[in-house]
């Protein structure tokens, strides 16, 4: 479980992370530059400062142009996982290697319109495939159920490597959608508005985890 802070109170970011820290496995930080997506959030200085205040590992999702140049700085700042978009990267294989060399897990994200074949030749270089189940840029969007086959395809690619590659889903993940994603093969779940707009965000993380586990229990 990797709750996204996008729909939290960004004026007190560390305190918002603390609301879920004892329930989640990661905290998901959405980095947007107003170029790759039409929204602007925060960058390396905020991430670096935040990581000094929290103990939960950070999962940075970079929705930015030119990640080849900018992504390694997030790993160097202390992010445990850094995901960039295949649509924005000039040399994704080399960037994955750079992120790993800087001490982070390397993830590659795919927008809804990008086929899974875009990462097929990169499976030995990455640690996680992110399947976007909404168009990236804003929280609170509706889940795109037609992405479920892509999740299945990502799981099949991951399994074929014989290594522990994670399949993450992000967008519209809530109590009505998480079981379908888990059944399709996702094992890392980003939930933003469903968690931070709940009365008790930590309890919602627990509830979502339980639903995902039920869906994958034989």
N, C-alpha and C. Protein backbone atom coordinates (compact mmCIF):
# COMPACT_ATOMS: atom_id res chain seq x y z
N UNK A 1 0.84 -1.19 0.00
CA UNK A 1 0.00 0.00 0.00
C UNK A 1 0.88 1.25 0.00
N UNK A 2 0.60 2.13 -0.95
CA UNK A 2 1.41 3.34 -1.12
C UNK A 2 0.49 4.55 -1.29
N UNK A 3 -0.06 5.07 -0.19
CA UNK A 3 -0.98 6.20 -0.30
C UNK A 3 -0.31 7.43 -0.92
N UNK A 4 -1.06 8.10 -1.76
CA UNK A 4 -0.57 9.33 -2.40
C UNK A 4 -0.99 10.55 -1.59
N UNK A 5 -0.05 11.47 -1.40
CA UNK A 5 -0.34 12.68 -0.64
C UNK A 5 -0.98 13.77 -1.50
N UNK A 6 -1.25 13.47 -2.78
CA UNK A 6 -1.74 14.50 -3.69
C UNK A 6 -3.01 15.18 -3.18
N UNK A 7 -3.88 14.42 -2.52
CA UNK A 7 -5.12 14.97 -2.01
C UNK A 7 -5.08 15.26 -0.52
N UNK A 8 -3.89 15.30 0.03
CA UNK A 8 -3.74 15.64 1.45
C UNK A 8 -3.59 17.16 1.59
N UNK A 9 -3.42 17.61 2.81
CA UNK A 9 -3.16 19.03 3.08
C UNK A 9 -1.67 19.27 2.89
N UNK A 10 -1.30 19.79 1.74
CA UNK A 10 0.12 19.95 1.41
C UNK A 10 0.81 21.02 2.25
N UNK A 11 0.05 21.80 3.01
CA UNK A 11 0.67 22.82 3.85
C UNK A 11 1.33 22.20 5.08
N UNK A 12 1.00 20.95 5.39
CA UNK A 12 1.61 20.26 6.53
C UNK A 12 1.91 18.83 6.12
N UNK A 13 2.77 18.70 5.13
CA UNK A 13 3.00 17.44 4.46
C UNK A 13 3.51 16.34 5.39
N UNK A 14 4.46 16.64 6.25
CA UNK A 14 4.99 15.62 7.14
C UNK A 14 3.91 15.09 8.08
N UNK A 15 3.07 15.97 8.58
CA UNK A 15 1.98 15.54 9.46
C UNK A 15 0.98 14.68 8.71
N UNK A 16 0.73 14.99 7.45
CA UNK A 16 -0.18 14.20 6.64
C UNK A 16 0.39 12.80 6.38
N UNK A 17 1.69 12.71 6.17
CA UNK A 17 2.32 11.40 6.01
C UNK A 17 2.17 10.61 7.31
N UNK A 18 2.34 11.26 8.44
CA UNK A 18 2.24 10.58 9.72
C UNK A 18 0.86 9.96 9.95
N UNK A 19 -0.16 10.50 9.31
CA UNK A 19 -1.52 9.97 9.49
C UNK A 19 -1.66 8.56 8.94
N UNK A 20 -0.80 8.18 8.01
CA UNK A 20 -0.89 6.84 7.42
C UNK A 20 0.36 6.01 7.64
N UNK A 21 1.38 6.58 8.25
CA UNK A 21 2.69 5.93 8.31
C UNK A 21 2.68 4.58 9.01
N UNK A 22 1.81 4.40 10.00
CA UNK A 22 1.76 3.13 10.73
C UNK A 22 0.88 2.09 10.04
N UNK A 23 0.32 2.44 8.92
CA UNK A 23 -0.58 1.54 8.20
C UNK A 23 -0.07 1.20 6.80
N UNK A 24 0.64 2.11 6.18
CA UNK A 24 1.10 1.94 4.80
C UNK A 24 2.51 1.35 4.75
N UNK A 25 2.88 0.87 3.58
CA UNK A 25 4.23 0.36 3.35
C UNK A 25 5.14 1.43 2.77
N UNK A 26 4.55 2.32 1.98
CA UNK A 26 5.26 3.40 1.32
C UNK A 26 4.41 4.65 1.41
N UNK A 27 5.03 5.78 1.12
CA UNK A 27 4.26 7.00 0.86
C UNK A 27 4.56 7.39 -0.59
N UNK A 28 3.51 7.72 -1.34
CA UNK A 28 3.63 8.00 -2.76
C UNK A 28 3.65 9.50 -2.97
N UNK A 29 4.72 9.99 -3.59
CA UNK A 29 4.90 11.42 -3.82
C UNK A 29 4.81 11.70 -5.32
N UNK A 30 3.79 12.45 -5.70
CA UNK A 30 3.55 12.78 -7.10
C UNK A 30 4.28 14.05 -7.48
N UNK A 31 5.27 13.92 -8.34
CA UNK A 31 6.09 15.04 -8.79
C UNK A 31 5.62 15.45 -10.18
N UNK A 32 5.08 16.67 -10.31
CA UNK A 32 4.57 17.14 -11.59
C UNK A 32 5.20 18.49 -11.93
N UNK A 33 5.50 18.69 -13.22
CA UNK A 33 6.27 19.87 -13.63
C UNK A 33 5.50 20.87 -14.49
N UNK A 34 4.21 20.61 -14.73
CA UNK A 34 3.38 21.48 -15.56
C UNK A 34 3.82 21.48 -17.03
N UNK A 35 4.60 20.47 -17.41
CA UNK A 35 5.00 20.30 -18.80
C UNK A 35 4.54 18.93 -19.30
N UNK A 36 5.00 17.87 -18.65
CA UNK A 36 4.57 16.53 -19.03
C UNK A 36 3.10 16.32 -18.72
N UNK A 37 2.65 16.91 -17.61
CA UNK A 37 1.23 16.91 -17.26
C UNK A 37 0.83 18.34 -16.90
N UNK A 38 -0.45 18.68 -17.04
CA UNK A 38 -0.89 20.06 -16.77
C UNK A 38 -1.16 20.33 -15.30
N UNK A 39 -0.18 20.07 -14.46
CA UNK A 39 -0.30 20.33 -13.04
C UNK A 39 1.10 20.51 -12.48
N UNK A 40 1.20 21.19 -11.36
CA UNK A 40 2.48 21.49 -10.74
C UNK A 40 2.39 21.18 -9.26
N UNK A 41 3.33 20.35 -8.76
CA UNK A 41 3.31 20.03 -7.33
C UNK A 41 4.59 20.51 -6.65
N UNK A 42 5.56 19.64 -6.49
CA UNK A 42 6.79 20.02 -5.78
C UNK A 42 7.96 19.25 -6.37
N UNK A 43 9.17 19.60 -5.93
CA UNK A 43 10.36 19.01 -6.50
C UNK A 43 11.33 18.50 -5.48
N UNK A 44 12.58 18.41 -5.88
CA UNK A 44 13.62 17.80 -5.04
C UNK A 44 13.75 18.45 -3.67
N UNK A 45 13.78 19.79 -3.54
CA UNK A 45 13.96 20.37 -2.20
C UNK A 45 12.87 19.95 -1.21
N UNK A 46 11.62 19.91 -1.65
CA UNK A 46 10.54 19.49 -0.76
C UNK A 46 10.69 18.02 -0.40
N UNK A 47 10.98 17.18 -1.37
CA UNK A 47 11.15 15.75 -1.10
C UNK A 47 12.30 15.53 -0.13
N UNK A 48 13.41 16.18 -0.36
CA UNK A 48 14.57 16.01 0.51
C UNK A 48 14.25 16.45 1.94
N UNK A 49 13.56 17.56 2.09
CA UNK A 49 13.18 18.03 3.42
C UNK A 49 12.21 17.08 4.09
N UNK A 50 11.24 16.59 3.32
CA UNK A 50 10.24 15.68 3.88
C UNK A 50 10.87 14.39 4.37
N UNK A 51 11.80 13.86 3.60
CA UNK A 51 12.41 12.58 3.97
C UNK A 51 13.23 12.67 5.25
N UNK A 52 13.62 13.86 5.64
CA UNK A 52 14.32 14.03 6.91
C UNK A 52 13.36 13.98 8.09
N UNK A 53 12.06 14.11 7.82
CA UNK A 53 11.04 14.18 8.87
C UNK A 53 10.23 12.90 9.03
N UNK A 54 10.32 11.99 8.07
CA UNK A 54 9.48 10.80 8.10
C UNK A 54 10.35 9.55 8.06
N UNK A 55 9.77 8.43 8.49
CA UNK A 55 10.52 7.17 8.50
C UNK A 55 10.04 6.20 7.42
N UNK A 56 8.83 6.38 6.92
CA UNK A 56 8.29 5.50 5.89
C UNK A 56 9.01 5.76 4.57
N UNK A 57 9.33 4.72 3.81
CA UNK A 57 10.05 4.96 2.54
C UNK A 57 9.19 5.68 1.52
N UNK A 58 9.84 6.48 0.69
CA UNK A 58 9.14 7.28 -0.31
C UNK A 58 9.21 6.63 -1.68
N UNK A 59 8.06 6.66 -2.33
CA UNK A 59 7.86 6.14 -3.67
C UNK A 59 7.55 7.35 -4.54
N UNK A 60 8.56 7.85 -5.28
CA UNK A 60 8.41 9.07 -6.06
C UNK A 60 7.96 8.75 -7.48
N UNK A 61 6.85 9.33 -7.88
CA UNK A 61 6.30 9.15 -9.22
C UNK A 61 6.53 10.44 -9.99
N UNK A 62 7.44 10.39 -10.94
CA UNK A 62 7.84 11.59 -11.67
C UNK A 62 7.03 11.74 -12.95
N UNK A 63 6.11 12.67 -12.93
CA UNK A 63 5.35 13.03 -14.13
C UNK A 63 5.98 14.30 -14.68
N UNK A 64 7.18 14.14 -15.22
CA UNK A 64 7.99 15.29 -15.63
C UNK A 64 8.63 15.03 -16.99
N UNK A 65 8.94 16.11 -17.67
CA UNK A 65 9.74 16.03 -18.89
C UNK A 65 11.21 15.86 -18.53
N UNK A 66 11.96 15.27 -19.44
CA UNK A 66 13.42 15.08 -19.30
C UNK A 66 13.80 14.37 -17.99
N UNK A 67 13.17 13.22 -17.70
CA UNK A 67 13.55 12.51 -16.48
C UNK A 67 14.99 12.01 -16.51
N UNK A 68 15.56 11.80 -17.70
CA UNK A 68 16.95 11.37 -17.78
C UNK A 68 17.86 12.34 -17.02
N UNK A 69 17.50 13.61 -17.07
CA UNK A 69 18.30 14.64 -16.38
C UNK A 69 17.94 14.76 -14.91
N UNK A 70 16.64 14.72 -14.60
CA UNK A 70 16.19 15.09 -13.27
C UNK A 70 15.93 13.93 -12.30
N UNK A 71 15.61 12.76 -12.81
CA UNK A 71 15.20 11.66 -11.93
C UNK A 71 16.26 11.21 -10.92
N UNK A 72 17.54 11.09 -11.31
CA UNK A 72 18.52 10.60 -10.34
C UNK A 72 18.62 11.46 -9.08
N UNK A 73 18.29 12.73 -9.17
CA UNK A 73 18.38 13.60 -7.99
C UNK A 73 17.41 13.16 -6.90
N UNK A 74 16.28 12.56 -7.28
CA UNK A 74 15.32 12.08 -6.27
C UNK A 74 15.87 10.86 -5.53
N UNK A 75 16.56 9.99 -6.25
CA UNK A 75 17.22 8.87 -5.59
C UNK A 75 18.32 9.36 -4.67
N UNK A 76 19.09 10.32 -5.14
CA UNK A 76 20.17 10.88 -4.33
C UNK A 76 19.63 11.61 -3.10
N UNK A 77 18.40 12.13 -3.19
CA UNK A 77 17.77 12.81 -2.06
C UNK A 77 17.25 11.83 -1.01
N UNK A 78 17.20 10.54 -1.37
CA UNK A 78 16.79 9.53 -0.39
C UNK A 78 15.53 8.76 -0.73
N UNK A 79 14.93 9.01 -1.89
CA UNK A 79 13.75 8.24 -2.27
C UNK A 79 14.13 6.78 -2.45
N UNK A 80 13.31 5.89 -1.93
CA UNK A 80 13.59 4.45 -2.02
C UNK A 80 13.16 3.86 -3.35
N UNK A 81 12.21 4.52 -4.02
CA UNK A 81 11.75 4.07 -5.33
C UNK A 81 11.48 5.31 -6.17
N UNK A 82 11.94 5.29 -7.40
CA UNK A 82 11.72 6.41 -8.32
C UNK A 82 11.16 5.86 -9.62
N UNK A 83 9.99 6.36 -9.99
CA UNK A 83 9.33 5.93 -11.22
C UNK A 83 9.25 7.10 -12.20
N UNK A 84 9.71 6.87 -13.41
CA UNK A 84 9.62 7.87 -14.47
C UNK A 84 8.71 7.31 -15.57
N UNK A 85 8.30 8.17 -16.49
CA UNK A 85 7.41 7.73 -17.56
C UNK A 85 8.18 7.39 -18.81
N UNK A 86 7.84 6.23 -19.38
CA UNK A 86 8.49 5.78 -20.60
C UNK A 86 8.29 6.79 -21.73
N UNK A 87 7.17 7.49 -21.72
CA UNK A 87 6.86 8.44 -22.78
C UNK A 87 7.78 9.66 -22.76
N UNK A 88 8.43 9.90 -21.61
CA UNK A 88 9.25 11.11 -21.46
C UNK A 88 10.75 10.83 -21.49
N UNK A 89 11.14 9.58 -21.40
CA UNK A 89 12.56 9.25 -21.25
C UNK A 89 13.24 9.05 -22.59
N UNK A 90 14.44 9.59 -22.72
CA UNK A 90 15.23 9.42 -23.94
C UNK A 90 15.94 8.08 -23.95
N UNK A 91 16.47 7.67 -22.81
CA UNK A 91 17.20 6.40 -22.69
C UNK A 91 16.75 5.71 -21.41
N UNK A 92 15.58 5.05 -21.43
CA UNK A 92 15.03 4.47 -20.20
C UNK A 92 15.89 3.40 -19.57
N UNK A 93 16.56 2.60 -20.36
CA UNK A 93 17.42 1.57 -19.79
C UNK A 93 18.55 2.16 -18.98
N UNK A 94 19.23 3.13 -19.55
CA UNK A 94 20.33 3.79 -18.84
C UNK A 94 19.81 4.51 -17.59
N UNK A 95 18.62 5.13 -17.68
CA UNK A 95 18.08 5.82 -16.52
C UNK A 95 17.75 4.84 -15.40
N UNK A 96 17.22 3.68 -15.74
CA UNK A 96 16.99 2.66 -14.71
C UNK A 96 18.30 2.29 -14.01
N UNK A 97 19.35 2.13 -14.79
CA UNK A 97 20.64 1.78 -14.19
C UNK A 97 21.15 2.90 -13.31
N UNK A 98 20.95 4.15 -13.73
CA UNK A 98 21.38 5.29 -12.92
C UNK A 98 20.63 5.34 -11.59
N UNK A 99 19.34 5.06 -11.63
CA UNK A 99 18.53 5.09 -10.40
C UNK A 99 18.97 3.99 -9.45
N UNK A 100 19.20 2.80 -9.97
CA UNK A 100 19.67 1.70 -9.13
C UNK A 100 21.04 2.04 -8.54
N UNK A 101 21.92 2.62 -9.35
CA UNK A 101 23.25 2.97 -8.86
C UNK A 101 23.18 3.99 -7.73
N UNK A 102 22.14 4.83 -7.75
CA UNK A 102 21.96 5.84 -6.71
C UNK A 102 21.22 5.29 -5.49
N UNK A 103 20.87 4.01 -5.53
CA UNK A 103 20.29 3.36 -4.34
C UNK A 103 18.78 3.23 -4.32
N UNK A 104 18.11 3.51 -5.44
CA UNK A 104 16.65 3.44 -5.48
C UNK A 104 16.19 2.28 -6.37
N UNK A 105 14.98 1.81 -6.10
CA UNK A 105 14.33 0.92 -7.04
C UNK A 105 13.94 1.73 -8.27
N UNK A 106 14.04 1.12 -9.44
CA UNK A 106 13.74 1.82 -10.69
C UNK A 106 12.38 1.36 -11.21
N UNK A 107 11.48 2.33 -11.38
CA UNK A 107 10.15 2.02 -11.90
C UNK A 107 9.91 2.76 -13.20
N UNK A 108 9.10 2.15 -14.07
CA UNK A 108 8.70 2.79 -15.31
C UNK A 108 7.19 2.84 -15.36
N UNK A 109 6.66 4.05 -15.61
CA UNK A 109 5.22 4.26 -15.68
C UNK A 109 4.74 4.33 -17.12
N UNK A 110 3.50 3.86 -17.33
CA UNK A 110 2.87 3.90 -18.64
C UNK A 110 1.54 4.62 -18.55
N UNK A 111 1.35 5.63 -19.38
CA UNK A 111 0.06 6.30 -19.49
C UNK A 111 -0.95 5.32 -20.09
N UNK A 112 -2.24 5.60 -19.92
CA UNK A 112 -3.26 4.67 -20.44
C UNK A 112 -3.13 4.34 -21.92
N UNK A 113 -2.68 5.28 -22.72
CA UNK A 113 -2.58 5.05 -24.15
C UNK A 113 -1.32 4.34 -24.60
N UNK A 114 -0.41 4.04 -23.68
CA UNK A 114 0.86 3.40 -24.02
C UNK A 114 0.77 1.91 -23.79
N UNK A 115 1.09 1.13 -24.80
CA UNK A 115 1.00 -0.32 -24.70
C UNK A 115 2.11 -0.91 -23.85
N UNK A 116 1.84 -2.08 -23.31
CA UNK A 116 2.81 -2.74 -22.43
C UNK A 116 4.08 -3.13 -23.19
N UNK A 117 3.99 -3.24 -24.51
CA UNK A 117 5.17 -3.60 -25.30
C UNK A 117 6.29 -2.57 -25.16
N UNK A 118 5.95 -1.35 -24.71
CA UNK A 118 6.96 -0.31 -24.56
C UNK A 118 8.03 -0.66 -23.54
N UNK A 119 7.72 -1.56 -22.60
CA UNK A 119 8.69 -1.93 -21.57
C UNK A 119 9.19 -3.36 -21.72
N UNK A 120 8.72 -4.06 -22.74
CA UNK A 120 9.05 -5.48 -22.87
C UNK A 120 10.55 -5.74 -22.94
N UNK A 121 11.29 -4.84 -23.58
CA UNK A 121 12.74 -5.04 -23.72
C UNK A 121 13.53 -4.48 -22.55
N UNK A 122 12.84 -3.96 -21.55
CA UNK A 122 13.52 -3.31 -20.43
C UNK A 122 13.35 -4.08 -19.12
N UNK A 123 12.81 -5.28 -19.19
CA UNK A 123 12.44 -5.97 -17.96
C UNK A 123 13.62 -6.30 -17.06
N UNK A 124 14.80 -6.48 -17.64
CA UNK A 124 15.97 -6.77 -16.81
C UNK A 124 16.51 -5.53 -16.12
N UNK A 125 16.04 -4.36 -16.55
CA UNK A 125 16.56 -3.10 -16.02
C UNK A 125 15.69 -2.51 -14.91
N UNK A 126 14.43 -2.92 -14.83
CA UNK A 126 13.51 -2.24 -13.91
C UNK A 126 13.10 -3.11 -12.73
N UNK A 127 12.54 -2.45 -11.72
CA UNK A 127 12.07 -3.13 -10.52
C UNK A 127 10.56 -3.05 -10.36
N UNK A 128 9.92 -2.15 -11.11
CA UNK A 128 8.48 -1.98 -10.99
C UNK A 128 7.90 -1.40 -12.28
N UNK A 129 6.73 -1.90 -12.66
CA UNK A 129 5.96 -1.34 -13.76
C UNK A 129 4.75 -0.64 -13.15
N UNK A 130 4.56 0.62 -13.50
CA UNK A 130 3.39 1.37 -13.02
C UNK A 130 2.37 1.47 -14.15
N UNK A 131 1.20 0.91 -13.92
CA UNK A 131 0.10 1.02 -14.87
C UNK A 131 -0.82 2.13 -14.40
N UNK A 132 -0.90 3.21 -15.17
CA UNK A 132 -1.79 4.31 -14.84
C UNK A 132 -3.22 3.92 -15.22
N UNK A 133 -4.12 3.99 -14.27
CA UNK A 133 -5.51 3.65 -14.52
C UNK A 133 -6.39 4.90 -14.58
N UNK A 134 -5.72 6.06 -14.72
CA UNK A 134 -6.33 7.34 -15.10
C UNK A 134 -5.28 8.07 -15.93
N UNK A 135 -5.67 9.14 -16.58
CA UNK A 135 -4.67 9.99 -17.22
C UNK A 135 -3.91 10.73 -16.13
N UNK A 136 -2.58 10.70 -16.13
CA UNK A 136 -1.82 11.34 -15.06
C UNK A 136 -2.00 12.85 -15.04
N UNK A 137 -1.95 13.40 -13.83
CA UNK A 137 -1.99 14.85 -13.68
C UNK A 137 -2.85 15.34 -12.54
N UNK A 138 -3.93 14.64 -12.23
CA UNK A 138 -4.84 15.11 -11.19
C UNK A 138 -5.39 13.94 -10.39
N UNK A 139 -5.63 14.16 -9.10
CA UNK A 139 -6.25 13.16 -8.26
C UNK A 139 -7.75 13.18 -8.39
N UNK A 140 -8.39 12.12 -7.88
CA UNK A 140 -9.85 12.08 -7.83
C UNK A 140 -10.53 11.67 -9.11
N UNK A 141 -9.77 11.16 -10.10
CA UNK A 141 -10.38 10.74 -11.35
C UNK A 141 -10.99 9.35 -11.24
N UNK A 142 -11.86 9.02 -12.18
CA UNK A 142 -12.52 7.72 -12.18
C UNK A 142 -11.60 6.64 -12.77
N UNK A 143 -11.65 5.48 -12.19
CA UNK A 143 -10.87 4.32 -12.61
C UNK A 143 -11.24 3.88 -14.02
N UNK A 144 -10.22 3.60 -14.84
CA UNK A 144 -10.43 3.14 -16.21
C UNK A 144 -10.35 1.62 -16.23
N UNK A 145 -11.49 0.97 -16.25
CA UNK A 145 -11.53 -0.49 -16.16
C UNK A 145 -10.90 -1.17 -17.36
N UNK A 146 -10.79 -0.45 -18.49
CA UNK A 146 -10.17 -1.06 -19.66
C UNK A 146 -8.65 -1.20 -19.52
N UNK A 147 -8.11 -0.77 -18.39
CA UNK A 147 -6.69 -0.97 -18.11
C UNK A 147 -6.42 -2.31 -17.44
N UNK A 148 -7.45 -3.02 -17.03
CA UNK A 148 -7.25 -4.31 -16.36
C UNK A 148 -6.48 -5.31 -17.22
N UNK A 149 -6.77 -5.44 -18.50
CA UNK A 149 -5.94 -6.34 -19.32
C UNK A 149 -4.47 -5.94 -19.36
N UNK A 150 -4.19 -4.64 -19.31
CA UNK A 150 -2.79 -4.21 -19.30
C UNK A 150 -2.11 -4.63 -18.00
N UNK A 151 -2.84 -4.57 -16.90
CA UNK A 151 -2.28 -5.06 -15.62
C UNK A 151 -1.94 -6.54 -15.74
N UNK A 152 -2.82 -7.31 -16.34
CA UNK A 152 -2.56 -8.74 -16.55
C UNK A 152 -1.33 -8.95 -17.42
N UNK A 153 -1.18 -8.14 -18.45
CA UNK A 153 -0.02 -8.25 -19.33
C UNK A 153 1.27 -7.90 -18.58
N UNK A 154 1.20 -6.86 -17.74
CA UNK A 154 2.37 -6.48 -16.96
C UNK A 154 2.76 -7.59 -15.99
N UNK A 155 1.78 -8.22 -15.37
CA UNK A 155 2.08 -9.32 -14.45
C UNK A 155 2.72 -10.47 -15.21
N UNK A 156 2.22 -10.78 -16.40
CA UNK A 156 2.80 -11.87 -17.19
C UNK A 156 4.25 -11.58 -17.56
N UNK A 157 4.54 -10.33 -17.96
CA UNK A 157 5.92 -9.95 -18.26
C UNK A 157 6.80 -10.08 -17.02
N UNK A 158 6.29 -9.63 -15.89
CA UNK A 158 7.06 -9.69 -14.64
C UNK A 158 7.36 -11.14 -14.26
N UNK A 159 6.35 -11.98 -14.34
CA UNK A 159 6.52 -13.38 -13.96
C UNK A 159 7.52 -14.08 -14.88
N UNK A 160 7.52 -13.71 -16.15
CA UNK A 160 8.40 -14.36 -17.12
C UNK A 160 9.88 -14.12 -16.83
N UNK A 161 10.18 -13.04 -16.10
CA UNK A 161 11.58 -12.75 -15.79
C UNK A 161 12.12 -13.65 -14.69
N UNK A 162 11.23 -14.20 -13.87
CA UNK A 162 11.67 -15.00 -12.74
C UNK A 162 12.23 -14.19 -11.60
N UNK A 163 12.07 -12.86 -11.66
CA UNK A 163 12.56 -11.99 -10.59
C UNK A 163 11.37 -11.25 -9.97
N UNK A 164 11.65 -10.55 -8.89
CA UNK A 164 10.60 -9.89 -8.12
C UNK A 164 10.33 -8.49 -8.65
N UNK A 165 9.67 -8.42 -9.79
CA UNK A 165 9.26 -7.13 -10.35
C UNK A 165 7.84 -6.83 -9.89
N UNK A 166 7.66 -5.65 -9.31
CA UNK A 166 6.34 -5.27 -8.81
C UNK A 166 5.50 -4.66 -9.91
N UNK A 167 4.19 -4.84 -9.79
CA UNK A 167 3.23 -4.20 -10.69
C UNK A 167 2.37 -3.25 -9.85
N UNK A 168 2.53 -1.97 -10.11
CA UNK A 168 1.82 -0.94 -9.35
C UNK A 168 0.67 -0.38 -10.19
N UNK A 169 -0.43 -0.06 -9.51
CA UNK A 169 -1.55 0.62 -10.17
C UNK A 169 -1.80 1.95 -9.46
N UNK A 170 -2.17 2.95 -10.24
CA UNK A 170 -2.36 4.30 -9.72
C UNK A 170 -3.48 4.97 -10.50
N UNK A 171 -4.54 5.36 -9.77
CA UNK A 171 -5.63 6.10 -10.39
C UNK A 171 -6.98 5.48 -10.11
N UNK A 172 -7.78 6.14 -9.29
CA UNK A 172 -9.12 5.65 -9.01
C UNK A 172 -9.16 4.40 -8.15
N UNK A 173 -8.10 4.17 -7.36
CA UNK A 173 -8.06 2.98 -6.52
C UNK A 173 -8.84 3.24 -5.23
N UNK A 174 -9.89 2.46 -5.02
CA UNK A 174 -10.73 2.60 -3.83
C UNK A 174 -11.35 1.25 -3.49
N UNK A 175 -12.32 1.24 -2.61
CA UNK A 175 -12.88 -0.04 -2.16
C UNK A 175 -13.65 -0.76 -3.27
N UNK A 176 -14.01 -0.05 -4.32
CA UNK A 176 -14.76 -0.68 -5.41
C UNK A 176 -13.87 -1.18 -6.54
N UNK A 177 -12.59 -0.82 -6.53
CA UNK A 177 -11.71 -1.18 -7.65
C UNK A 177 -10.48 -1.99 -7.26
N UNK A 178 -10.07 -1.94 -6.00
CA UNK A 178 -8.78 -2.55 -5.65
C UNK A 178 -8.79 -4.06 -5.82
N UNK A 179 -9.91 -4.71 -5.56
CA UNK A 179 -9.94 -6.17 -5.71
C UNK A 179 -9.74 -6.58 -7.16
N UNK A 180 -10.33 -5.84 -8.09
CA UNK A 180 -10.16 -6.16 -9.50
C UNK A 180 -8.71 -6.00 -9.93
N UNK A 181 -8.05 -4.97 -9.42
CA UNK A 181 -6.64 -4.76 -9.75
C UNK A 181 -5.76 -5.86 -9.17
N UNK A 182 -6.05 -6.25 -7.94
CA UNK A 182 -5.27 -7.32 -7.31
C UNK A 182 -5.48 -8.64 -8.05
N UNK A 183 -6.71 -8.92 -8.44
CA UNK A 183 -6.99 -10.15 -9.18
C UNK A 183 -6.28 -10.16 -10.52
N UNK A 184 -6.12 -8.98 -11.12
CA UNK A 184 -5.44 -8.88 -12.42
C UNK A 184 -3.93 -9.03 -12.30
N UNK A 185 -3.39 -8.89 -11.09
CA UNK A 185 -1.96 -9.10 -10.91
C UNK A 185 -1.19 -7.97 -10.28
N UNK A 186 -1.85 -6.87 -9.95
CA UNK A 186 -1.15 -5.77 -9.27
C UNK A 186 -0.81 -6.18 -7.85
N UNK A 187 0.33 -5.71 -7.36
CA UNK A 187 0.67 -5.98 -5.96
C UNK A 187 1.17 -4.74 -5.22
N UNK A 188 1.13 -3.58 -5.86
CA UNK A 188 1.40 -2.30 -5.20
C UNK A 188 0.28 -1.35 -5.61
N UNK A 189 -0.34 -0.72 -4.62
CA UNK A 189 -1.55 0.06 -4.87
C UNK A 189 -1.39 1.49 -4.38
N UNK A 190 -1.58 2.43 -5.29
CA UNK A 190 -1.54 3.85 -4.95
C UNK A 190 -2.97 4.32 -4.79
N UNK A 191 -3.30 4.84 -3.63
CA UNK A 191 -4.64 5.38 -3.37
C UNK A 191 -4.49 6.76 -2.78
N UNK A 192 -5.09 7.74 -3.43
CA UNK A 192 -4.96 9.12 -2.98
C UNK A 192 -6.21 9.66 -2.34
N UNK A 193 -7.19 10.05 -3.17
CA UNK A 193 -8.40 10.66 -2.62
C UNK A 193 -9.18 9.70 -1.74
N UNK A 194 -9.19 8.40 -2.09
CA UNK A 194 -9.95 7.46 -1.27
C UNK A 194 -9.38 7.34 0.14
N UNK A 195 -8.09 7.58 0.28
CA UNK A 195 -7.45 7.53 1.61
C UNK A 195 -7.56 8.88 2.31
N UNK A 196 -7.10 9.94 1.66
CA UNK A 196 -6.99 11.22 2.36
C UNK A 196 -8.30 11.98 2.48
N UNK A 197 -9.31 11.57 1.75
CA UNK A 197 -10.62 12.17 1.95
C UNK A 197 -11.49 11.35 2.89
N UNK A 198 -10.95 10.22 3.36
CA UNK A 198 -11.66 9.41 4.34
C UNK A 198 -11.57 10.05 5.72
N UNK A 199 -12.52 9.74 6.57
CA UNK A 199 -12.50 10.29 7.92
C UNK A 199 -11.27 9.83 8.69
N UNK A 200 -10.87 8.57 8.46
CA UNK A 200 -9.69 8.00 9.11
C UNK A 200 -8.80 7.41 8.02
N UNK A 201 -7.82 8.16 7.52
CA UNK A 201 -6.98 7.67 6.42
C UNK A 201 -6.27 6.36 6.73
N UNK A 202 -5.76 6.23 7.94
CA UNK A 202 -5.06 5.00 8.30
C UNK A 202 -5.97 3.79 8.25
N UNK A 203 -7.17 3.93 8.77
CA UNK A 203 -8.14 2.83 8.72
C UNK A 203 -8.51 2.47 7.29
N UNK A 204 -8.59 3.47 6.42
CA UNK A 204 -8.89 3.19 5.02
C UNK A 204 -7.76 2.41 4.36
N UNK A 205 -6.51 2.74 4.68
CA UNK A 205 -5.39 1.96 4.15
C UNK A 205 -5.53 0.50 4.56
N UNK A 206 -5.87 0.26 5.83
CA UNK A 206 -6.05 -1.11 6.32
C UNK A 206 -7.18 -1.82 5.58
N UNK A 207 -8.26 -1.10 5.35
CA UNK A 207 -9.39 -1.70 4.66
C UNK A 207 -9.05 -2.06 3.22
N UNK A 208 -8.35 -1.17 2.54
CA UNK A 208 -7.95 -1.44 1.17
C UNK A 208 -7.00 -2.63 1.10
N UNK A 209 -6.06 -2.71 2.03
CA UNK A 209 -5.12 -3.82 2.06
C UNK A 209 -5.89 -5.14 2.23
N UNK A 210 -6.84 -5.15 3.15
CA UNK A 210 -7.60 -6.36 3.40
C UNK A 210 -8.36 -6.82 2.15
N UNK A 211 -8.92 -5.87 1.43
CA UNK A 211 -9.65 -6.22 0.20
C UNK A 211 -8.71 -6.80 -0.85
N UNK A 212 -7.53 -6.21 -0.98
CA UNK A 212 -6.56 -6.74 -1.94
C UNK A 212 -6.11 -8.14 -1.56
N UNK A 213 -5.93 -8.39 -0.29
CA UNK A 213 -5.51 -9.71 0.16
C UNK A 213 -6.58 -10.76 -0.08
N UNK A 214 -7.84 -10.38 0.16
CA UNK A 214 -8.94 -11.31 -0.12
C UNK A 214 -8.95 -11.70 -1.59
N UNK A 215 -8.71 -10.73 -2.45
CA UNK A 215 -8.76 -10.97 -3.89
C UNK A 215 -7.67 -11.90 -4.38
N UNK A 216 -6.59 -12.00 -3.63
CA UNK A 216 -5.46 -12.83 -4.06
C UNK A 216 -5.29 -14.09 -3.23
N UNK A 217 -6.21 -14.34 -2.31
CA UNK A 217 -6.15 -15.54 -1.48
C UNK A 217 -6.84 -16.70 -2.21
N UNK A 218 -6.14 -17.81 -2.40
CA UNK A 218 -6.74 -18.96 -3.12
C UNK A 218 -7.99 -19.47 -2.42
